[in-house]
Amino acid sequence: MIFLAALRKEWLEQWRTYRMLAVGVVLLVFGLLSPLLAKYTPEIIKLMPNGETMAQLIPAPTVLDAVTQYIKNIGQFGVILALLLTMGAVAQEKDKGTAAMMLVKPLPRATFLAAKFTALALTFAVAIAIAGAACYYYTWLLFDPLDVPRWLALNGLLLLFVLVYVALTLFCSVVTQSQVAAGGLALGLLFVLGLSGSVPGLGEYLPGQLLAWGGGLMAGKAETFWPALGVSVGIIVVALAGARFIFERQEL
C-alpha cells in the first residue's frame, strides 16, 4: 500500500534525524521534573533570602500540584516542539526539490501529506506516553498514585491539543516556500488562538480548554468541554484539507 510505504519512509526519517529521540527526551525530562518541582519548590524557596517567611505562605504541595505542573510543561513545550518539527515538513522538501522527486513515483499528494501528519502524530503519541508514564511513577513516589483512566484521558487530551498545532504548522509549511516563513506564520496562529482564548465566552470552544478539561478530570470534577474537543478536531481536519487543496495546485 502506497500510504504505508510513505509512512514508513517518514517514520524512518523521524528516527534517523533524531527528531523522535529529541521530542521523547525533552518531554520525558519535563514529565520527570513536574512532580519534583511541585514537591520541592517550597524547599527551594527556603534557600532564598527571607525564604522561610515566603515558604510559610505556600500551601503544602499536593498531587494536584504535580498534575498542574505536568499539564503546563507538556502543553507549552509540546506546542513549541510541534512548531519546530513541523515547520519544515513540506516547505523544506519543496525548497530542496525532494518533494518533486517523491511525487513522481507516483505518490499522490494527499498521501504524501497524510503520511507526514501520521508520522508526526505517532512521534508525539510515543513521546507523551513516555512522559506520562514517567510523571505517573514519580508522582506515585512523591505523593499518591493517580487514577489511571483519568490519567490516560488527560494525556489523550494533551496529545489532541498538540496535534492541533501540528496540523496548523503543516498547513503553514504547505502554503509557504521556506520553513522560517512557515514557523513565523504558525507562531502567528498560535498567538491568535491564545488571544482568542482570553475572550469571555469564546475560550471554552478553543483547544486551550482541553488542558482545563484534563486538569478538572484529575481533580475529580464532572465538568466537560465537548465543544472544545469538537472544535479541535475540526481545526485539524480543516487544516489538513486546506493543506491538501493548496498542495494539489502548487507547482514544485
C-alpha atoms as a PDB file:
ATOM      1  CA  MET A   1       0.000   0.000   0.000  1.00  0.00           C
ATOM      2  CA  ILE A   2       1.370   3.395  -1.014  1.00  0.00           C
ATOM      3  CA  PHE A   3       0.353   5.096   2.241  1.00  0.00           C
ATOM      4  CA  LEU A   4       2.166   2.525   4.403  1.00  0.00           C
ATOM      5  CA  ALA A   5       5.304   2.851   2.289  1.00  0.00           C
ATOM      6  CA  ALA A   6       5.193   6.646   2.618  1.00  0.00           C
ATOM      7  CA  LEU A   7       4.514   6.395   6.352  1.00  0.00           C
ATOM      8  CA  ARG A   8       7.459   4.028   6.785  1.00  0.00           C
ATOM      9  CA  LYS A   9       9.689   6.500   4.967  1.00  0.00           C
ATOM     10  CA  GLU A  10       8.540   9.373   7.198  1.00  0.00           C
ATOM     11  CA  TRP A  11       8.858   7.284  10.353  1.00  0.00           C
ATOM     12  CA  LEU A  12      12.400   6.221   9.489  1.00  0.00           C
ATOM     13  CA  GLU A  13      13.264   9.832   8.751  1.00  0.00           C
ATOM     14  CA  GLN A  14      11.959  10.867  12.175  1.00  0.00           C
ATOM     15  CA  TRP A  15      14.213   8.243  13.737  1.00  0.00           C
ATOM     16  CA  ARG A  16      17.352   8.742  11.625  1.00  0.00           C
ATOM     17  CA  THR A  17      17.314  12.528  12.044  1.00  0.00           C
ATOM     18  CA  TYR A  18      16.916  12.065  15.833  1.00  0.00           C
ATOM     19  CA  ARG A  19      13.733  14.142  15.834  1.00  0.00           C
ATOM     20  CA  MET A  20      11.762  11.432  17.595  1.00  0.00           C
ATOM     21  CA  LEU A  21      14.570  10.995  20.114  1.00  0.00           C
ATOM     22  CA  ALA A  22      14.720  14.745  20.760  1.00  0.00           C
ATOM     23  CA  VAL A  23      10.978  15.025  21.304  1.00  0.00           C
ATOM     24  CA  GLY A  24      10.974  11.966  23.562  1.00  0.00           C
ATOM     25  CA  VAL A  25      13.880  13.207  25.676  1.00  0.00           C
ATOM     26  CA  VAL A  26      12.515  16.740  26.079  1.00  0.00           C
ATOM     27  CA  LEU A  27       9.046  15.607  27.116  1.00  0.00           C
ATOM     28  CA  LEU A  28      10.480  12.841  29.311  1.00  0.00           C
ATOM     29  CA  VAL A  29      12.582  15.391  31.189  1.00  0.00           C
ATOM     30  CA  PHE A  30       9.580  17.615  31.823  1.00  0.00           C
ATOM     31  CA  GLY A  31       7.480  14.608  32.739  1.00  0.00           C
ATOM     32  CA  LEU A  32      10.027  13.735  35.412  1.00  0.00           C
ATOM     33  CA  LEU A  33      10.532  17.316  36.572  1.00  0.00           C
ATOM     34  CA  SER A  34       6.844  18.144  37.034  1.00  0.00           C
ATOM     35  CA  PRO A  35       6.250  16.213  40.298  1.00  0.00           C
ATOM     36  CA  LEU A  36       9.755  17.090  41.502  1.00  0.00           C
ATOM     37  CA  LEU A  37       9.135  20.820  41.064  1.00  0.00           C
ATOM     38  CA  ALA A  38       5.754  20.551  42.737  1.00  0.00           C
ATOM     39  CA  LYS A  39       7.243  18.679  45.698  1.00  0.00           C
ATOM     40  CA  TYR A  40      10.406  20.667  46.288  1.00  0.00           C
ATOM     41  CA  THR A  41       9.514  24.225  45.257  1.00  0.00           C
ATOM     42  CA  PRO A  42       8.854  25.223  48.904  1.00  0.00           C
ATOM     43  CA  GLU A  43      12.270  23.834  49.865  1.00  0.00           C
ATOM     44  CA  ILE A  44      13.941  25.763  47.045  1.00  0.00           C
ATOM     45  CA  ILE A  45      12.226  28.971  48.135  1.00  0.00           C
ATOM     46  CA  LYS A  46      13.573  28.482  51.678  1.00  0.00           C
ATOM     47  CA  LEU A  47      17.095  28.801  50.285  1.00  0.00           C
ATOM     48  CA  MET A  48      16.374  32.349  49.095  1.00  0.00           C
ATOM     49  CA  PRO A  49      16.766  35.477  51.282  1.00  0.00           C
ATOM     50  CA  ASN A  50      13.699  35.653  53.537  1.00  0.00           C
ATOM     51  CA  GLY A  51      12.733  32.330  52.033  1.00  0.00           C
ATOM     52  CA  GLU A  52      11.468  30.860  55.297  1.00  0.00           C
ATOM     53  CA  THR A  53       8.794  33.542  55.551  1.00  0.00           C
ATOM     54  CA  MET A  54       7.802  33.154  51.910  1.00  0.00           C
ATOM     55  CA  ALA A  55       7.670  29.351  52.167  1.00  0.00           C
ATOM     56  CA  GLN A  56       5.191  29.585  55.035  1.00  0.00           C
ATOM     57  CA  LEU A  57       2.758  31.363  52.731  1.00  0.00           C
ATOM     58  CA  ILE A  58       2.790  28.491  50.235  1.00  0.00           C
ATOM     59  CA  PRO A  59       0.333  25.644  50.890  1.00  0.00           C
ATOM     60  CA  ALA A  60       1.786  22.164  51.302  1.00  0.00           C
ATOM     61  CA  PRO A  61       2.236  20.600  47.818  1.00  0.00           C
ATOM     62  CA  THR A  62      -0.325  18.012  46.757  1.00  0.00           C
ATOM     63  CA  VAL A  63      -0.736  15.532  43.938  1.00  0.00           C
ATOM     64  CA  LEU A  64      -2.814  18.109  42.042  1.00  0.00           C
ATOM     65  CA  ASP A  65       0.149  20.479  42.055  1.00  0.00           C
ATOM     66  CA  ALA A  66       2.186  17.809  40.275  1.00  0.00           C
ATOM     67  CA  VAL A  67      -0.595  17.318  37.724  1.00  0.00           C
ATOM     68  CA  THR A  68      -0.934  21.072  37.144  1.00  0.00           C
ATOM     69  CA  GLN A  69       2.814  21.382  36.608  1.00  0.00           C
ATOM     70  CA  TYR A  70       2.744  18.460  34.174  1.00  0.00           C
ATOM     71  CA  ILE A  71      -0.086  19.949  32.114  1.00  0.00           C
ATOM     72  CA  LYS A  72       1.673  23.306  31.971  1.00  0.00           C
ATOM     73  CA  ASN A  73       5.037  21.843  30.945  1.00  0.00           C
ATOM     74  CA  ILE A  74       3.816  19.336  28.356  1.00  0.00           C
ATOM     75  CA  GLY A  75       1.311  21.801  26.927  1.00  0.00           C
ATOM     76  CA  GLN A  76       3.881  24.558  26.460  1.00  0.00           C
ATOM     77  CA  PHE A  77       6.837  22.508  25.267  1.00  0.00           C
ATOM     78  CA  GLY A  78       4.654  20.177  23.225  1.00  0.00           C
ATOM     79  CA  VAL A  79       3.439  23.139  21.172  1.00  0.00           C
ATOM     80  CA  ILE A  80       6.974  24.519  20.774  1.00  0.00           C
ATOM     81  CA  LEU A  81       8.208  21.132  19.558  1.00  0.00           C
ATOM     82  CA  ALA A  82       5.207  20.818  17.234  1.00  0.00           C
ATOM     83  CA  LEU A  83       6.163  24.099  15.571  1.00  0.00           C
ATOM     84  CA  LEU A  84       9.868  23.241  15.339  1.00  0.00           C
ATOM     85  CA  LEU A  85       9.368  19.736  13.935  1.00  0.00           C
ATOM     86  CA  THR A  86       6.582  20.549  11.510  1.00  0.00           C
ATOM     87  CA  MET A  87       7.505  23.928  10.047  1.00  0.00           C
ATOM     88  CA  GLY A  88       9.930  22.359   7.557  1.00  0.00           C
ATOM     89  CA  ALA A  89       7.943  19.186   6.891  1.00  0.00           C
ATOM     90  CA  VAL A  90       6.846  20.301   3.418  1.00  0.00           C
ATOM     91  CA  ALA A  91       8.470  23.704   2.885  1.00  0.00           C
ATOM     92  CA  GLN A  92      11.981  22.287   3.289  1.00  0.00           C
ATOM     93  CA  GLU A  93      11.300  19.427   0.872  1.00  0.00           C
ATOM     94  CA  LYS A  94       9.876  21.858  -1.702  1.00  0.00           C
ATOM     95  CA  ASP A  95      12.920  24.090  -1.309  1.00  0.00           C
ATOM     96  CA  LYS A  96      15.389  21.219  -1.748  1.00  0.00           C
ATOM     97  CA  GLY A  97      13.418  19.582  -4.536  1.00  0.00           C
ATOM     98  CA  THR A  98      12.963  16.278  -2.725  1.00  0.00           C
ATOM     99  CA  ALA A  99       9.168  16.699  -2.730  1.00  0.00           C
ATOM    100  CA  ALA A 100       9.125  16.778  -6.534  1.00  0.00           C
ATOM    101  CA  MET A 101      11.270  13.645  -6.645  1.00  0.00           C
ATOM    102  CA  MET A 102       8.925  11.810  -4.261  1.00  0.00           C
ATOM    103  CA  LEU A 103       5.783  12.834  -6.129  1.00  0.00           C
ATOM    104  CA  VAL A 104       6.901  11.396  -9.471  1.00  0.00           C
ATOM    105  CA  LYS A 105       6.973   7.838  -8.066  1.00  0.00           C
ATOM    106  CA  PRO A 106       3.925   8.364  -8.464  1.00  0.00           C
ATOM    107  CA  LEU A 107       2.907   9.264  -4.932  1.00  0.00           C
ATOM    108  CA  PRO A 108      -0.431  11.075  -4.530  1.00  0.00           C
ATOM    109  CA  ARG A 109      -0.007  14.445  -2.852  1.00  0.00           C
ATOM    110  CA  ALA A 110      -2.791  13.699  -0.381  1.00  0.00           C
ATOM    111  CA  THR A 111      -0.956  10.521   0.667  1.00  0.00           C
ATOM    112  CA  PHE A 112       2.294  12.478   0.944  1.00  0.00           C
ATOM    113  CA  LEU A 113       0.687  14.908   3.423  1.00  0.00           C
ATOM    114  CA  ALA A 114      -1.239  12.199   5.292  1.00  0.00           C
ATOM    115  CA  ALA A 115       1.948  10.203   5.851  1.00  0.00           C
ATOM    116  CA  LYS A 116       3.746  13.248   7.237  1.00  0.00           C
ATOM    117  CA  PHE A 117       0.934  14.117   9.649  1.00  0.00           C
ATOM    118  CA  THR A 118       0.550  10.493  10.774  1.00  0.00           C
ATOM    119  CA  ALA A 119       4.286  10.111  11.418  1.00  0.00           C
ATOM    120  CA  LEU A 120       4.341  13.328  13.451  1.00  0.00           C
ATOM    121  CA  ALA A 121       1.229  12.230  15.364  1.00  0.00           C
ATOM    122  CA  LEU A 122       2.860   8.888  16.196  1.00  0.00           C
ATOM    123  CA  THR A 123       6.043  10.663  17.311  1.00  0.00           C
ATOM    124  CA  PHE A 124       4.152  12.877  19.743  1.00  0.00           C
ATOM    125  CA  ALA A 125       1.940   9.997  20.898  1.00  0.00           C
ATOM    126  CA  VAL A 126       5.001   7.940  21.840  1.00  0.00           C
ATOM    127  CA  ALA A 127       6.730  10.921  23.484  1.00  0.00           C
ATOM    128  CA  ILE A 128       3.669  11.903  25.549  1.00  0.00           C
ATOM    129  CA  ALA A 129       3.146   8.266  26.568  1.00  0.00           C
ATOM    130  CA  ILE A 130       6.735   8.131  27.845  1.00  0.00           C
ATOM    131  CA  ALA A 131       6.412  11.483  29.643  1.00  0.00           C
ATOM    132  CA  GLY A 132       3.076  10.433  31.133  1.00  0.00           C
ATOM    133  CA  ALA A 133       4.498   7.153  32.436  1.00  0.00           C
ATOM    134  CA  ALA A 134       7.485   8.950  33.982  1.00  0.00           C
ATOM    135  CA  CYS A 135       5.308  11.589  35.629  1.00  0.00           C
ATOM    136  CA  TYR A 136       2.903   8.936  36.924  1.00  0.00           C
ATOM    137  CA  TYR A 137       5.749   6.970  38.521  1.00  0.00           C
ATOM    138  CA  TYR A 138       7.383   9.962  40.213  1.00  0.00           C
ATOM    139  CA  THR A 139       4.032  11.317  41.383  1.00  0.00           C
ATOM    140  CA  TRP A 140       3.330   7.923  42.930  1.00  0.00           C
ATOM    141  CA  LEU A 141       6.691   8.001  44.711  1.00  0.00           C
ATOM    142  CA  LEU A 142       6.422  11.585  45.958  1.00  0.00           C
ATOM    143  CA  PHE A 143       2.678  11.898  46.552  1.00  0.00           C
ATOM    144  CA  ASP A 144      -0.006   9.296  45.832  1.00  0.00           C
ATOM    145  CA  PRO A 145      -0.912   7.080  42.867  1.00  0.00           C
ATOM    146  CA  LEU A 146      -3.038   8.757  40.212  1.00  0.00           C
ATOM    147  CA  ASP A 147      -6.324   7.453  38.855  1.00  0.00           C
ATOM    148  CA  VAL A 148      -5.191   5.523  35.763  1.00  0.00           C
ATOM    149  CA  PRO A 149      -8.256   6.006  33.484  1.00  0.00           C
ATOM    150  CA  ARG A 150      -8.344   9.738  34.258  1.00  0.00           C
ATOM    151  CA  TRP A 151      -4.588   9.984  33.701  1.00  0.00           C
ATOM    152  CA  LEU A 152      -4.897   8.282  30.316  1.00  0.00           C
ATOM    153  CA  ALA A 153      -7.738  10.628  29.384  1.00  0.00           C
ATOM    154  CA  LEU A 154      -5.641  13.651  30.394  1.00  0.00           C
ATOM    155  CA  ASN A 155      -2.743  12.544  28.216  1.00  0.00           C
ATOM    156  CA  GLY A 156      -5.113  11.894  25.332  1.00  0.00           C
ATOM    157  CA  LEU A 157      -6.382  15.470  25.614  1.00  0.00           C
ATOM    158  CA  LEU A 158      -2.797  16.729  25.737  1.00  0.00           C
ATOM    159  CA  LEU A 159      -1.994  14.808  22.565  1.00  0.00           C
ATOM    160  CA  LEU A 160      -5.030  16.239  20.769  1.00  0.00           C
ATOM    161  CA  PHE A 161      -4.048  19.742  21.918  1.00  0.00           C
ATOM    162  CA  VAL A 162      -0.544  19.327  20.463  1.00  0.00           C
ATOM    163  CA  LEU A 163      -1.861  17.814  17.223  1.00  0.00           C
ATOM    164  CA  VAL A 164      -3.915  20.955  16.598  1.00  0.00           C
ATOM    165  CA  TYR A 165      -0.642  22.869  16.273  1.00  0.00           C
ATOM    166  CA  VAL A 166       0.986  20.095  14.264  1.00  0.00           C
ATOM    167  CA  ALA A 167      -1.850  20.342  11.717  1.00  0.00           C
ATOM    168  CA  LEU A 168      -1.783  24.149  11.637  1.00  0.00           C
ATOM    169  CA  THR A 169       2.000  24.218  11.201  1.00  0.00           C
ATOM    170  CA  LEU A 170       1.806  21.584   8.455  1.00  0.00           C
ATOM    171  CA  PHE A 171      -0.697  23.837   6.670  1.00  0.00           C
ATOM    172  CA  CYS A 172       1.709  26.763   7.049  1.00  0.00           C
ATOM    173  CA  SER A 173       4.541  24.602   5.721  1.00  0.00           C
ATOM    174  CA  VAL A 174       2.485  23.911   2.592  1.00  0.00           C
ATOM    175  CA  VAL A 175       1.443  27.499   1.858  1.00  0.00           C
ATOM    176  CA  THR A 176       4.926  28.994   2.334  1.00  0.00           C
ATOM    177  CA  GLN A 177       8.201  28.455   0.496  1.00  0.00           C
ATOM    178  CA  SER A 178      10.556  28.287   3.481  1.00  0.00           C
ATOM    179  CA  GLN A 179      10.466  26.726   6.907  1.00  0.00           C
ATOM    180  CA  VAL A 180      11.261  30.082   8.537  1.00  0.00           C
ATOM    181  CA  ALA A 181       8.169  31.621   6.958  1.00  0.00           C
ATOM    182  CA  ALA A 182       6.140  28.567   7.955  1.00  0.00           C
ATOM    183  CA  GLY A 183       7.340  28.864  11.531  1.00  0.00           C
ATOM    184  CA  GLY A 184       6.546  32.576  11.639  1.00  0.00           C
ATOM    185  CA  LEU A 185       3.050  32.055  10.246  1.00  0.00           C
ATOM    186  CA  ALA A 186       2.381  29.170  12.639  1.00  0.00           C
ATOM    187  CA  LEU A 187       3.589  31.285  15.556  1.00  0.00           C
ATOM    188  CA  GLY A 188       1.160  33.993  14.481  1.00  0.00           C
ATOM    189  CA  LEU A 189      -1.703  31.487  14.500  1.00  0.00           C
ATOM    190  CA  LEU A 190      -0.572  30.363  17.955  1.00  0.00           C
ATOM    191  CA  PHE A 191      -0.845  33.922  19.260  1.00  0.00           C
ATOM    192  CA  VAL A 192      -4.252  34.376  17.608  1.00  0.00           C
ATOM    193  CA  LEU A 193      -5.606  31.253  19.307  1.00  0.00           C
ATOM    194  CA  GLY A 194      -4.047  32.305  22.604  1.00  0.00           C
ATOM    195  CA  LEU A 195      -5.578  35.781  22.475  1.00  0.00           C
ATOM    196  CA  SER A 196      -8.927  34.404  21.341  1.00  0.00           C
ATOM    197  CA  GLY A 197      -8.957  32.103  24.343  1.00  0.00           C
ATOM    198  CA  SER A 198      -8.960  35.111  26.653  1.00  0.00           C
ATOM    199  CA  VAL A 199     -12.210  36.437  25.156  1.00  0.00           C
ATOM    200  CA  PRO A 200     -15.080  35.724  27.577  1.00  0.00           C
ATOM    201  CA  GLY A 201     -17.412  33.045  26.243  1.00  0.00           C
ATOM    202  CA  LEU A 202     -15.106  32.122  23.357  1.00  0.00           C
ATOM    203  CA  GLY A 203     -12.293  30.390  25.215  1.00  0.00           C
ATOM    204  CA  GLU A 204     -14.417  27.393  26.178  1.00  0.00           C
ATOM    205  CA  TYR A 205     -14.704  26.473  22.486  1.00  0.00           C
ATOM    206  CA  LEU A 206     -10.964  26.619  21.733  1.00  0.00           C
ATOM    207  CA  PRO A 207      -8.214  23.963  22.052  1.00  0.00           C
ATOM    208  CA  GLY A 208      -6.750  25.506  25.214  1.00  0.00           C
ATOM    209  CA  GLN A 209      -9.847  24.368  27.076  1.00  0.00           C
ATOM    210  CA  LEU A 210      -8.709  20.767  26.580  1.00  0.00           C
ATOM    211  CA  LEU A 211      -5.983  21.385  29.159  1.00  0.00           C
ATOM    212  CA  ALA A 212      -8.512  22.759  31.640  1.00  0.00           C
ATOM    213  CA  TRP A 213     -10.691  19.718  30.990  1.00  0.00           C
ATOM    214  CA  GLY A 214      -7.797  17.382  31.718  1.00  0.00           C
ATOM    215  CA  GLY A 215      -6.931  19.211  34.920  1.00  0.00           C
ATOM    216  CA  GLY A 216     -10.555  19.069  36.004  1.00  0.00           C
ATOM    217  CA  LEU A 217     -10.672  15.333  35.351  1.00  0.00           C
ATOM    218  CA  MET A 218      -7.723  14.760  37.680  1.00  0.00           C
ATOM    219  CA  ALA A 219      -9.344  16.976  40.321  1.00  0.00           C
ATOM    220  CA  GLY A 220     -12.482  14.837  40.200  1.00  0.00           C
ATOM    221  CA  LYS A 221     -14.659  17.463  38.525  1.00  0.00           C
ATOM    222  CA  ALA A 222     -17.505  16.311  36.298  1.00  0.00           C
ATOM    223  CA  GLU A 223     -17.368  19.370  34.024  1.00  0.00           C
ATOM    224  CA  THR A 224     -16.791  18.531  30.360  1.00  0.00           C
ATOM    225  CA  PHE A 225     -15.816  20.615  27.334  1.00  0.00           C
ATOM    226  CA  TRP A 226     -17.004  18.620  24.342  1.00  0.00           C
ATOM    227  CA  PRO A 227     -17.365  21.734  22.159  1.00  0.00           C
ATOM    228  CA  ALA A 228     -13.633  22.437  22.598  1.00  0.00           C
ATOM    229  CA  LEU A 229     -12.846  18.853  21.614  1.00  0.00           C
ATOM    230  CA  GLY A 230     -15.079  19.141  18.548  1.00  0.00           C
ATOM    231  CA  VAL A 231     -13.507  22.454  17.522  1.00  0.00           C
ATOM    232  CA  SER A 232     -10.020  20.991  17.987  1.00  0.00           C
ATOM    233  CA  VAL A 233     -10.803  18.026  15.747  1.00  0.00           C
ATOM    234  CA  GLY A 234     -12.421  20.436  13.287  1.00  0.00           C
ATOM    235  CA  ILE A 235      -9.303  22.626  13.177  1.00  0.00           C
ATOM    236  CA  ILE A 236      -7.161  19.573  12.420  1.00  0.00           C
ATOM    237  CA  VAL A 237      -9.497  18.410   9.650  1.00  0.00           C
ATOM    238  CA  VAL A 238      -9.810  21.873   8.099  1.00  0.00           C
ATOM    239  CA  ALA A 239      -6.051  22.493   8.295  1.00  0.00           C
ATOM    240  CA  LEU A 240      -5.251  19.190   6.613  1.00  0.00           C
ATOM    241  CA  ALA A 241      -7.984  19.636   3.997  1.00  0.00           C
ATOM    242  CA  GLY A 242      -6.754  23.161   3.275  1.00  0.00           C
ATOM    243  CA  ALA A 243      -3.179  21.943   3.017  1.00  0.00           C
ATOM    244  CA  ARG A 244      -4.238  19.264   0.540  1.00  0.00           C
ATOM    245  CA  PHE A 245      -6.311  21.718  -1.526  1.00  0.00           C
ATOM    246  CA  ILE A 246      -3.391  24.144  -1.856  1.00  0.00           C
ATOM    247  CA  PHE A 247      -0.712  21.481  -2.293  1.00  0.00           C
ATOM    248  CA  GLU A 248      -2.626  19.817  -5.136  1.00  0.00           C
ATOM    249  CA  ARG A 249      -2.463  23.120  -7.065  1.00  0.00           C
ATOM    250  CA  GLN A 250       1.153  24.034  -6.395  1.00  0.00           C
ATOM    251  CA  GLU A 251       3.911  23.642  -8.940  1.00  0.00           C
ATOM    252  CA  LEU A 252       7.005  22.013  -7.457  1.00  0.00           C
END
